[in-house]
Amino acid sequence: MTSRWQVARQFGAAALVICLVCMASWKEFSAPIAPDTVSPTIEDYAELKSSLPSHGVACYFSDKDVESQAALWYLAEYTLAPLVLRVGSDCGWAIGRFENPRTVDTLDSIGFRIERAYGPQLLLLRRKQP
């Protein structure tokens, strides 16, 4: 037969374990959330979209290979639809994403001018008329 003291000890131990598990779970769920980098990017592209034709084709190029920036490419493609976006620099309109500010200096040599900047790395470009 179990004494009241043993029951109280077992109940206390179980309560302590439950409290410790709850505290550990609370710490995990109350950890700070990583900053949202997607929403500002979508907002930039949505603003850029208002300056582009509603249909047709626009080019996308960058100073990094597109494979390394797949998430940015897909966000651009998603946000700019139904405008078709393709990799290259032979369109009348282009979206340029440049991490290196010096790359902007080379745009003139490939026949583009900056139509508008949307933040430090995202540019709306237009082919120069010959």
Protein backbone atom coordinates (compact mmCIF):
# COMPACT_ATOMS: atom_id res chain seq x y z
CA MET A 1 0.00 0.00 0.00
CA THR A 2 1.29 3.45 -0.97
CA SER A 3 1.49 6.10 1.70
CA ARG A 4 0.21 9.59 1.22
CA TRP A 5 3.78 10.86 1.32
CA GLN A 6 4.80 8.65 -1.64
CA VAL A 7 1.74 9.73 -3.64
CA ALA A 8 2.51 13.37 -2.92
CA ARG A 9 6.15 12.86 -4.02
CA GLN A 10 5.12 11.15 -7.26
CA PHE A 11 2.54 13.84 -7.97
CA GLY A 12 5.11 16.57 -7.27
CA ALA A 13 7.70 14.90 -9.50
CA ALA A 14 5.16 14.57 -12.33
CA ALA A 15 4.13 18.22 -11.92
CA LEU A 16 7.79 19.29 -11.99
CA VAL A 17 8.42 17.32 -15.22
CA ILE A 18 5.33 18.85 -16.83
CA CYS A 19 6.45 22.35 -15.81
CA LEU A 20 9.95 21.79 -17.22
CA VAL A 21 8.57 20.49 -20.52
CA CYS A 22 6.23 23.47 -20.78
CA MET A 23 9.05 25.92 -20.05
CA ALA A 24 11.29 24.30 -22.68
CA SER A 25 8.48 24.42 -25.24
CA TRP A 26 7.67 28.04 -24.42
CA LYS A 27 11.29 29.04 -24.94
CA GLU A 28 11.32 27.34 -28.33
CA PHE A 29 8.06 28.95 -29.49
CA SER A 30 8.88 32.39 -28.16
CA ALA A 31 12.22 32.56 -30.00
CA PRO A 32 12.48 35.58 -32.32
CA ILE A 33 11.28 35.00 -35.84
CA ALA A 34 13.74 35.57 -38.68
CA PRO A 35 13.19 38.86 -40.50
CA ASP A 36 10.80 38.72 -43.43
CA THR A 37 12.80 39.21 -46.61
CA VAL A 38 10.10 38.08 -49.03
CA SER A 39 7.42 40.73 -48.44
CA PRO A 40 9.69 43.75 -49.09
CA THR A 41 10.95 42.08 -52.29
CA ILE A 42 7.41 41.41 -53.50
CA GLU A 43 6.48 45.02 -52.68
CA ASP A 44 9.45 46.30 -54.72
CA TYR A 45 8.44 44.15 -57.71
CA ALA A 46 4.78 45.16 -57.37
CA GLU A 47 5.80 48.83 -57.51
CA LEU A 48 8.09 48.11 -60.47
CA LYS A 49 5.23 46.30 -62.26
CA SER A 50 3.22 49.51 -62.47
CA SER A 51 5.96 51.00 -64.66
CA LEU A 52 6.06 48.07 -67.11
CA PRO A 53 3.69 47.19 -69.94
CA SER A 54 0.87 44.92 -68.74
CA HIS A 55 1.78 42.19 -71.22
CA GLY A 56 4.69 41.13 -73.39
CA VAL A 57 8.22 40.12 -72.47
CA ALA A 58 10.80 41.70 -70.20
CA CYS A 59 14.31 40.51 -69.56
CA TYR A 60 15.94 39.83 -66.23
CA PHE A 61 19.65 39.97 -65.65
CA SER A 62 22.01 40.32 -62.78
CA ASP A 63 25.66 40.51 -61.87
CA LYS A 64 25.19 37.09 -60.22
CA ASP A 65 24.13 33.95 -62.03
CA VAL A 66 20.38 33.43 -61.87
CA GLU A 67 20.77 29.95 -60.37
CA SER A 68 22.30 31.48 -57.23
CA GLN A 69 19.39 33.91 -57.06
CA ALA A 70 16.61 31.44 -57.84
CA ALA A 71 14.34 32.73 -55.07
CA LEU A 72 14.60 36.33 -56.34
CA TRP A 73 13.98 35.17 -59.91
CA TYR A 74 10.83 33.25 -58.93
CA LEU A 75 9.54 36.15 -56.84
CA ALA A 76 10.02 38.48 -59.80
CA GLU A 77 8.33 36.05 -62.19
CA TYR A 78 5.43 35.52 -59.78
CA THR A 79 4.87 39.20 -59.03
CA LEU A 80 5.20 40.47 -62.61
CA ALA A 81 2.82 37.94 -64.21
CA PRO A 82 1.18 38.02 -66.75
CA LEU A 83 4.23 39.80 -68.12
CA VAL A 84 6.64 37.10 -69.28
CA LEU A 85 10.06 37.33 -67.69
CA ARG A 86 13.10 35.67 -69.23
CA VAL A 87 16.80 35.68 -68.56
CA GLY A 88 18.78 37.81 -70.97
CA SER A 89 19.45 41.38 -72.02
CA ASP A 90 17.94 41.61 -75.49
CA CYS A 91 14.48 43.01 -74.60
CA GLY A 92 13.16 46.54 -74.73
CA TRP A 93 12.52 46.46 -70.99
CA ALA A 94 14.65 44.74 -68.39
CA ILE A 95 14.82 44.26 -64.67
CA GLY A 96 18.32 44.43 -63.30
CA ARG A 97 19.32 43.12 -59.89
CA PHE A 98 22.86 44.11 -59.04
CA GLU A 99 24.74 43.51 -55.82
CA ASN A 100 27.85 45.29 -57.05
CA PRO A 101 27.22 49.02 -57.60
CA ARG A 102 29.98 49.13 -60.23
CA THR A 103 27.91 46.92 -62.52
CA VAL A 104 25.52 49.82 -63.06
CA ASP A 105 28.33 51.69 -64.84
CA THR A 106 28.39 49.00 -67.55
CA LEU A 107 24.71 49.33 -68.50
CA ASP A 108 25.43 52.05 -71.04
CA SER A 109 27.85 49.78 -72.91
CA ILE A 110 25.16 47.12 -73.39
CA GLY A 111 22.58 49.66 -74.55
CA PHE A 112 20.43 50.24 -71.47
CA ARG A 113 19.56 53.27 -69.44
CA ILE A 114 18.11 53.32 -65.96
CA GLU A 115 14.43 54.17 -66.06
CA ARG A 116 13.96 54.00 -62.29
CA ALA A 117 15.64 52.55 -59.21
CA TYR A 118 13.64 50.51 -56.69
CA GLY A 119 16.03 50.30 -53.81
CA PRO A 120 19.79 49.95 -53.99
CA GLN A 121 19.84 46.69 -55.98
CA LEU A 122 16.71 46.62 -58.16
CA LEU A 123 16.56 48.67 -61.34
CA LEU A 124 14.03 49.08 -64.13
CA LEU A 125 15.99 49.39 -67.36
CA ARG A 126 14.99 50.46 -70.86
CA ARG A 127 16.89 49.83 -74.05
CA LYS A 128 18.27 52.98 -75.60
CA GLN A 129 16.90 53.96 -78.98
CA PRO A 130 19.57 53.93 -81.71
